N, C-alpha and C. Protein backbone atom coordinates (compact mmCIF):
# COMPACT_ATOMS: atom_id res chain seq x y z
N UNK A 1 1.01 -0.99 -0.29
CA UNK A 1 -0.07 0.12 0.14
C UNK A 1 0.96 1.20 0.27
N UNK A 2 0.76 2.34 -0.68
CA UNK A 2 1.32 3.30 -1.20
C UNK A 2 1.49 4.15 0.73
N UNK A 3 2.13 4.63 1.03
CA UNK A 3 2.52 5.39 2.05
C UNK A 3 1.67 6.68 2.30
N UNK A 4 1.31 7.22 1.57
CA UNK A 4 -0.03 7.89 1.50
C UNK A 4 -1.06 8.11 1.81
N UNK A 5 -1.35 6.66 1.40
CA UNK A 5 -2.80 6.04 1.49
C UNK A 5 -2.71 5.80 3.02
N UNK A 6 -1.41 4.93 3.25
CA UNK A 6 -1.51 4.17 4.63
C UNK A 6 -1.52 5.61 5.61
N UNK A 7 -1.17 6.68 5.43
CA UNK A 7 -1.00 7.36 6.28
C UNK A 7 -2.90 8.17 6.16
N UNK A 8 -3.80 8.06 5.01
CA UNK A 8 -4.66 8.49 4.96
C UNK A 8 -6.09 7.70 5.69
N UNK A 9 -5.59 5.75 5.72
CA UNK A 9 -6.06 5.49 6.52
C UNK A 9 -5.81 5.41 8.10
N UNK A 10 -4.69 5.84 8.53
CA UNK A 10 -4.78 6.09 9.82
C UNK A 10 -4.99 7.25 10.64
N UNK A 11 -5.54 8.38 9.62
CA UNK A 11 -6.45 9.50 10.27
C UNK A 11 -7.40 9.45 10.19
N UNK A 12 -8.08 8.28 9.59
CA UNK A 12 -9.56 7.69 8.64
C UNK A 12 -10.78 8.21 10.26
N UNK A 13 -10.01 7.62 11.25
CA UNK A 13 -11.32 7.71 12.33
C UNK A 13 -11.22 9.28 13.08
N UNK A 14 -10.28 10.03 12.65
CA UNK A 14 -10.26 11.62 12.97
C UNK A 14 -10.39 12.46 12.37
N UNK A 15 -11.52 12.14 11.23
CA UNK A 15 -12.30 12.73 10.51
C UNK A 15 -13.44 13.55 10.77
N UNK A 16 -13.91 14.91 11.39
CA UNK A 16 -14.83 14.98 12.15
C UNK A 16 -16.26 13.97 12.10
N UNK A 17 -16.64 13.90 10.95
CA UNK A 17 -17.97 13.19 11.12
C UNK A 17 -17.56 11.62 11.55
N UNK A 18 -16.50 10.88 11.30
CA UNK A 18 -16.17 9.64 11.58
C UNK A 18 -15.64 9.73 13.48
N UNK A 19 -15.34 10.97 13.24
CA UNK A 19 -14.89 10.91 14.89
C UNK A 19 -16.63 11.22 15.79
N UNK A 20 -17.33 11.85 14.91
CA UNK A 20 -18.65 12.31 15.46
C UNK A 20 -19.44 10.94 15.99
N UNK A 21 -19.14 10.38 14.92
CA UNK A 21 -19.96 8.66 15.02
C UNK A 21 -19.43 7.87 15.87
N UNK A 22 -18.15 7.74 16.11
CA UNK A 22 -16.84 7.26 17.41
C UNK A 22 -16.27 5.91 16.75
N UNK A 23 -16.38 5.70 14.94
CA UNK A 23 -15.84 4.83 14.66
C UNK A 23 -14.41 4.11 14.90
N UNK A 24 -14.45 3.03 14.45
CA UNK A 24 -13.14 2.27 14.75
C UNK A 24 -13.06 1.52 13.63
N UNK A 25 -11.75 1.68 12.97
CA UNK A 25 -11.38 1.23 11.87
C UNK A 25 -10.69 -0.58 12.68
N UNK A 26 -11.09 -1.43 12.12
CA UNK A 26 -11.27 -2.80 12.07
C UNK A 26 -9.69 -3.37 11.50
N UNK A 27 -9.87 -3.25 10.43
CA UNK A 27 -8.65 -3.54 9.28
C UNK A 27 -9.26 -3.34 8.19
N UNK A 28 -7.97 -2.82 7.41
CA UNK A 28 -7.81 -2.60 6.05
C UNK A 28 -6.46 -3.40 5.23
N UNK A 29 -6.90 -3.70 3.98
CA UNK A 29 -6.02 -4.49 3.35
C UNK A 29 -6.56 -3.61 1.92
N UNK A 30 -5.47 -4.18 0.94
CA UNK A 30 -5.66 -3.59 -0.75
C UNK A 30 -7.07 -4.56 -0.73
N UNK A 31 -8.42 -3.16 -1.43
CA UNK A 31 -9.59 -3.10 -1.57
C UNK A 31 -10.61 -3.51 -0.82
N UNK A 32 -9.97 -3.87 0.75
CA UNK A 32 -10.82 -4.20 1.43
C UNK A 32 -10.85 -3.25 2.75
N UNK A 33 -12.02 -3.00 3.34
CA UNK A 33 -12.07 -2.20 5.05
C UNK A 33 -13.13 -3.01 5.77
N UNK A 34 -13.10 -3.18 7.40
CA UNK A 34 -13.42 -3.07 8.16
C UNK A 34 -13.62 -2.47 8.68
N UNK A 35 -15.32 -1.78 9.35
CA UNK A 35 -15.28 -0.58 9.96
C UNK A 35 -16.12 -1.10 11.54
N UNK A 36 -16.11 -0.44 12.56
CA UNK A 36 -17.13 -1.19 13.75
C UNK A 36 -17.26 0.30 13.95
N UNK A 37 -18.95 0.47 14.26
CA UNK A 37 -19.54 1.37 14.68
C UNK A 37 -20.27 1.37 16.15
N UNK A 38 -19.59 2.00 17.06
CA UNK A 38 -20.15 1.43 18.52
C UNK A 38 -22.08 1.63 18.63
N UNK A 39 -22.61 1.28 19.42
CA UNK A 39 -24.04 1.35 19.61
C UNK A 39 -23.98 2.59 20.71
N UNK A 40 -24.79 3.94 20.39
CA UNK A 40 -24.54 4.58 21.45
C UNK A 40 -26.24 5.35 21.16
N UNK A 41 -27.09 5.37 22.28
CA UNK A 41 -28.22 5.96 22.05
C UNK A 41 -28.26 7.60 21.54
N UNK A 42 -27.08 7.95 20.85
CA UNK A 42 -27.87 9.25 20.10
C UNK A 42 -27.98 8.70 18.86
N UNK A 43 -27.61 7.36 18.39
CA UNK A 43 -27.45 7.15 16.92
C UNK A 43 -28.90 6.27 16.98
N UNK A 44 -29.53 6.02 17.67
CA UNK A 44 -30.88 5.41 17.79
C UNK A 44 -31.99 6.26 17.22
N UNK A 45 -32.59 5.60 16.07
CA UNK A 45 -33.83 6.41 15.60
C UNK A 45 -35.25 6.05 16.72
N UNK A 46 -35.34 4.95 17.48
CA UNK A 46 -35.93 4.55 17.89
C UNK A 46 -35.74 3.37 18.90
N UNK A 47 -36.39 3.46 19.92
CA UNK A 47 -35.83 2.39 20.86
C UNK A 47 -34.59 2.17 21.12
N UNK A 48 -34.17 1.18 20.62
CA UNK A 48 -32.73 1.24 21.03
C UNK A 48 -32.06 0.57 19.46
N UNK A 49 -32.75 0.89 18.78
CA UNK A 49 -32.54 0.67 17.36
C UNK A 49 -31.44 1.78 16.56
N UNK A 50 -30.60 0.87 15.67
CA UNK A 50 -29.80 2.22 15.26
C UNK A 50 -30.55 3.13 14.06
N UNK A 51 -30.58 4.02 13.93
CA UNK A 51 -31.00 5.05 13.01
C UNK A 51 -30.45 4.44 11.97
N UNK A 52 -31.71 4.45 10.55
CA UNK A 52 -31.26 4.53 8.91
C UNK A 52 -29.49 5.05 8.91
N UNK A 53 -29.49 5.80 9.48
CA UNK A 53 -28.99 6.99 8.62
C UNK A 53 -27.61 6.67 9.39
N UNK A 54 -27.35 6.87 10.42
CA UNK A 54 -26.11 5.70 11.31
C UNK A 54 -25.77 4.81 9.82
N UNK A 55 -26.69 3.66 10.12
CA UNK A 55 -26.07 2.49 9.10
C UNK A 55 -25.73 3.01 7.82
N UNK A 56 -26.34 4.06 7.25
CA UNK A 56 -26.27 4.27 5.75
C UNK A 56 -24.84 4.98 5.30
N UNK A 57 -24.56 5.89 6.70
CA UNK A 57 -23.38 6.72 6.97
C UNK A 57 -22.10 5.48 7.20
N UNK A 58 -22.23 4.66 7.84
CA UNK A 58 -21.19 3.53 8.41
C UNK A 58 -20.82 3.14 6.70
N UNK A 59 -21.65 2.41 5.88
CA UNK A 59 -21.78 1.74 4.70
C UNK A 59 -20.93 2.57 3.91
N UNK A 60 -21.28 3.68 3.40
CA UNK A 60 -20.69 5.04 2.80
C UNK A 60 -19.42 5.27 3.46
N UNK A 61 -18.52 5.54 4.47
CA UNK A 61 -17.55 5.35 5.22
C UNK A 61 -16.68 4.39 4.95
N UNK A 62 -17.47 3.22 4.98
CA UNK A 62 -16.62 2.20 4.86
C UNK A 62 -16.34 1.73 3.42
N UNK A 63 -16.95 1.43 2.76
CA UNK A 63 -16.96 1.56 1.15
C UNK A 63 -15.97 2.91 0.56
N UNK A 64 -15.90 3.97 1.28
CA UNK A 64 -14.45 4.82 0.81
C UNK A 64 -13.77 4.22 1.21
N UNK A 65 -13.41 4.21 2.43
CA UNK A 65 -12.09 3.61 2.79
C UNK A 65 -11.64 2.28 2.23
N UNK A 66 -12.60 1.33 1.84
CA UNK A 66 -12.12 0.02 0.55
C UNK A 66 -11.50 0.82 -0.61
N UNK A 67 -12.35 1.86 -0.99
CA UNK A 67 -11.85 2.33 -2.18
C UNK A 67 -10.55 3.09 -2.52
N UNK A 68 -10.43 3.48 -1.28
CA UNK A 68 -9.04 4.45 -0.85
C UNK A 68 -7.85 3.36 -0.67
N UNK A 69 -8.02 2.21 -0.57
CA UNK A 69 -6.98 1.48 0.07
C UNK A 69 -6.17 1.17 -1.10
N UNK A 70 -6.85 0.64 -2.04
CA UNK A 70 -6.15 0.39 -3.60
C UNK A 70 -5.85 1.42 -4.30
N UNK A 71 -6.02 2.77 -3.59
CA UNK A 71 -5.86 3.65 -4.96
C UNK A 71 -4.54 4.19 -4.90
N UNK A 72 -4.09 4.29 -5.91
CA UNK A 72 -2.72 5.40 -6.63
C UNK A 72 -2.57 6.45 -6.26
N UNK A 73 -2.07 7.24 -5.63
CA UNK A 73 -1.88 8.70 -5.30
C UNK A 73 -1.64 9.20 -6.91
N UNK A 74 -0.65 8.74 -7.31
CA UNK A 74 -0.37 9.53 -8.65
C UNK A 74 -1.64 9.44 -9.71
N UNK A 75 -3.06 9.47 -9.23
CA UNK A 75 -4.20 9.25 -9.90
C UNK A 75 -5.07 10.24 -9.65
N UNK A 76 -4.64 10.65 -8.34
CA UNK A 76 -5.56 11.79 -7.81
C UNK A 76 -5.60 11.89 -6.50
N UNK A 77 -6.27 12.83 -5.95
CA UNK A 77 -6.76 12.80 -4.25
C UNK A 77 -7.93 13.85 -4.39
N UNK A 78 -8.69 14.09 -5.14
CA UNK A 78 -10.19 14.56 -4.89
C UNK A 78 -10.96 13.40 -4.97
N UNK A 79 -11.83 13.70 -4.36
CA UNK A 79 -12.80 12.30 -3.58
C UNK A 79 -14.12 12.53 -3.82
N UNK A 80 -15.12 11.77 -3.94
CA UNK A 80 -16.47 11.98 -3.36
C UNK A 80 -17.61 11.05 -3.84
N UNK A 81 -18.60 10.48 -2.79
CA UNK A 81 -19.22 9.59 -3.27
C UNK A 81 -20.03 9.73 -4.44
N UNK A 82 -20.01 8.89 -5.44
CA UNK A 82 -21.50 9.45 -6.39
C UNK A 82 -22.68 8.63 -6.41
N UNK A 83 -22.70 7.10 -5.82
CA UNK A 83 -24.31 6.91 -5.50
C UNK A 83 -23.81 6.18 -4.50
N UNK A 84 -25.05 5.66 -3.71
CA UNK A 84 -25.15 5.13 -2.65
C UNK A 84 -26.54 4.46 -2.81
N UNK A 85 -26.49 3.36 -2.55
CA UNK A 85 -27.97 2.24 -2.41
C UNK A 85 -27.43 1.40 -0.59
N UNK A 86 -28.44 1.88 0.24
CA UNK A 86 -28.52 0.87 1.51
C UNK A 86 -29.66 0.52 1.32
N UNK A 87 -29.61 -1.12 1.59
CA UNK A 87 -30.67 -1.96 1.71
C UNK A 87 -30.95 -2.38 3.20
N UNK A 88 -32.14 -2.09 3.86
CA UNK A 88 -32.14 -2.32 5.33
C UNK A 88 -33.01 -3.64 5.41
N UNK A 89 -32.08 -4.20 6.12
CA UNK A 89 -32.74 -5.77 6.28
C UNK A 89 -32.79 -6.38 7.72
N UNK A 90 -32.54 -5.77 8.63
CA UNK A 90 -32.96 -6.24 10.02
C UNK A 90 -32.55 -4.74 10.80
N UNK A 91 -32.99 -4.70 11.99
CA UNK A 91 -32.61 -3.56 13.04
C UNK A 91 -31.83 -4.26 13.77
N UNK A 92 -30.27 -3.38 14.23
CA UNK A 92 -29.47 -3.91 14.90
C UNK A 92 -29.85 -3.10 16.31
N UNK A 93 -30.32 -3.83 17.30
CA UNK A 93 -30.48 -3.48 18.68
C UNK A 93 -29.66 -3.39 19.54
N UNK A 94 -29.43 -2.14 20.12
CA UNK A 94 -28.79 -2.11 21.10
C UNK A 94 -27.53 -2.59 21.30
N UNK A 95 -26.77 -2.67 19.97
CA UNK A 95 -25.30 -3.73 20.16
C UNK A 95 -24.56 -3.00 18.62
N UNK A 96 -23.03 -3.00 18.70
CA UNK A 96 -22.29 -2.87 18.05
C UNK A 96 -22.60 -3.01 16.85
N UNK A 97 -22.17 -2.73 15.19
CA UNK A 97 -22.39 -3.37 14.20
C UNK A 97 -20.68 -2.92 13.54
N UNK A 98 -20.72 -3.99 12.59
CA UNK A 98 -19.61 -3.92 11.23
C UNK A 98 -19.78 -3.78 10.26
N UNK A 99 -19.32 -2.91 9.35
CA UNK A 99 -19.86 -3.29 8.04
C UNK A 99 -18.32 -3.61 7.73
N UNK A 100 -18.01 -4.20 6.68
CA UNK A 100 -17.11 -4.87 5.74
C UNK A 100 -17.51 -4.44 4.07
N UNK A 101 -16.52 -3.72 3.44
CA UNK A 101 -16.43 -3.33 2.36
C UNK A 101 -15.26 -4.18 1.57
N UNK A 102 -15.93 -4.09 0.27
CA UNK A 102 -14.76 -4.58 -0.77
C UNK A 102 -15.22 -3.80 -2.33
N UNK A 103 -13.82 -2.96 -2.79
CA UNK A 103 -13.61 -2.49 -3.95
C UNK A 103 -14.09 -3.72 -5.20
N UNK A 104 -14.98 -4.11 -5.76
CA UNK A 104 -15.15 -4.78 -6.42
C UNK A 104 -14.65 -4.65 -8.13
N UNK A 105 -14.54 -3.47 -8.60
CA UNK A 105 -14.25 -2.74 -9.74
C UNK A 105 -13.75 -1.31 -9.78
N UNK A 106 -12.59 -1.60 -10.25
CA UNK A 106 -11.85 -0.08 -10.80
C UNK A 106 -12.11 0.41 -12.15
N UNK A 107 -12.83 1.55 -12.36
CA UNK A 107 -12.42 2.50 -13.60
C UNK A 107 -11.12 3.55 -13.58
N UNK A 108 -11.22 4.33 -14.32
CA UNK A 108 -10.16 5.12 -14.48
C UNK A 108 -10.41 5.74 -13.18
N UNK A 109 -12.02 6.55 -13.31
CA UNK A 109 -12.00 7.16 -11.90
C UNK A 109 -13.22 6.54 -10.61
N UNK A 110 -14.01 5.93 -11.54
CA UNK A 110 -14.43 5.50 -10.52
C UNK A 110 -14.64 3.80 -9.99
N UNK A 111 -14.44 3.67 -8.59
CA UNK A 111 -14.56 2.58 -7.77
C UNK A 111 -15.99 2.35 -7.30
N UNK A 112 -15.69 0.58 -7.60
CA UNK A 112 -17.56 -0.09 -7.85
C UNK A 112 -17.22 -0.94 -6.05
N UNK A 113 -18.03 -0.65 -5.15
CA UNK A 113 -17.78 -1.13 -3.66
C UNK A 113 -19.21 -1.97 -3.47
N UNK A 114 -19.00 -3.21 -2.77
CA UNK A 114 -20.36 -3.89 -1.99
C UNK A 114 -19.82 -3.86 -0.91
N UNK A 115 -21.00 -3.68 0.47
CA UNK A 115 -20.99 -3.27 1.50
C UNK A 115 -21.60 -4.24 2.43
N UNK A 116 -21.28 -5.10 3.35
CA UNK A 116 -22.19 -5.60 4.42
C UNK A 116 -22.26 -5.00 5.45
N UNK A 117 -23.10 -5.03 6.13
CA UNK A 117 -22.95 -4.16 7.80
C UNK A 117 -24.42 -5.49 8.33
N UNK A 118 -23.43 -6.18 9.56
CA UNK A 118 -23.89 -6.95 10.72
C UNK A 118 -23.78 -6.53 12.22
N UNK A 119 -24.58 -7.50 12.94
CA UNK A 119 -24.37 -6.81 14.28
C UNK A 119 -23.19 -7.60 14.53
N UNK A 120 -22.26 -7.16 15.89
CA UNK A 120 -21.12 -7.52 15.62
C UNK A 120 -20.83 -8.37 16.90
N UNK A 121 -21.75 -8.75 17.60
CA UNK A 121 -21.73 -9.98 18.22
C UNK A 121 -22.47 -11.11 17.53
N UNK A 122 -23.53 -10.77 17.22
CA UNK A 122 -23.94 -12.33 16.58
C UNK A 122 -23.99 -12.50 14.80
N UNK A 123 -23.23 -11.60 14.18
CA UNK A 123 -23.17 -11.34 12.76
C UNK A 123 -24.56 -11.26 12.51
N UNK A 124 -25.52 -11.10 12.77
CA UNK A 124 -26.85 -10.96 12.04
C UNK A 124 -26.15 -9.90 11.02
N UNK A 125 -27.07 -9.83 9.77
CA UNK A 125 -27.47 -9.26 8.42
C UNK A 125 -28.22 -8.34 8.89
N UNK A 126 -27.51 -7.00 8.70
CA UNK A 126 -28.73 -5.53 9.25
C UNK A 126 -28.72 -4.87 8.13
N UNK A 127 -27.65 -4.63 6.99
CA UNK A 127 -27.63 -3.77 5.74
C UNK A 127 -26.78 -4.36 4.63
N UNK A 128 -27.04 -4.10 3.62
CA UNK A 128 -26.32 -4.20 2.83
C UNK A 128 -26.33 -3.31 1.48
N UNK A 129 -25.66 -2.77 0.59
CA UNK A 129 -25.81 -1.87 -0.12
C UNK A 129 -24.56 -1.95 -1.25
N UNK A 130 -24.57 -0.88 -2.44
CA UNK A 130 -23.50 -0.56 -3.03
C UNK A 130 -23.16 0.76 -2.78
N UNK A 131 -21.92 0.95 -3.75
CA UNK A 131 -21.49 2.16 -3.83
C UNK A 131 -20.74 2.89 -4.90
N UNK A 132 -21.11 3.72 -5.66
CA UNK A 132 -19.35 4.07 -6.36
C UNK A 132 -19.07 5.18 -5.78
N UNK A 133 -17.72 5.61 -6.04
CA UNK A 133 -16.70 6.55 -4.96
C UNK A 133 -15.90 6.99 -6.43
N UNK A 134 -15.84 7.97 -6.46
CA UNK A 134 -15.06 8.69 -7.42
C UNK A 134 -13.78 9.35 -6.78
N UNK A 135 -12.63 8.86 -6.89
CA UNK A 135 -11.26 9.60 -6.94
C UNK A 135 -10.54 10.36 -7.85
N UNK A 136 -10.35 11.35 -8.25
CA UNK A 136 -9.61 12.02 -9.59
C UNK A 136 -8.66 12.95 -9.53
């Protein structure tokens, strides 16, 4: 992995929004990222279920991290999410969740990612989705 990308990954949890969510980068390898989102009541949408926006945000930022993990900085460092699709499958009730993302296809600028979100303790599938990320 390019040292500049490794440096970016090391500060990823300190990005203000990621810090607000209190994400924890579990593992990153080329084209793959695993990120944990600890449960907090402030992230609940009702009762003790994670709000869908928190789950979708986790899906987005984990997919982005997978996209960065295999990127060559010589090709550019400007980035943004192009599209994101989140399928909510089950509620995560009062427990941490883990997102696992894979960059499955790289084009000239677009990186196509698939992401699964599961409960940390039970591995129950909570959501899945796809995202397209652009780095130019």
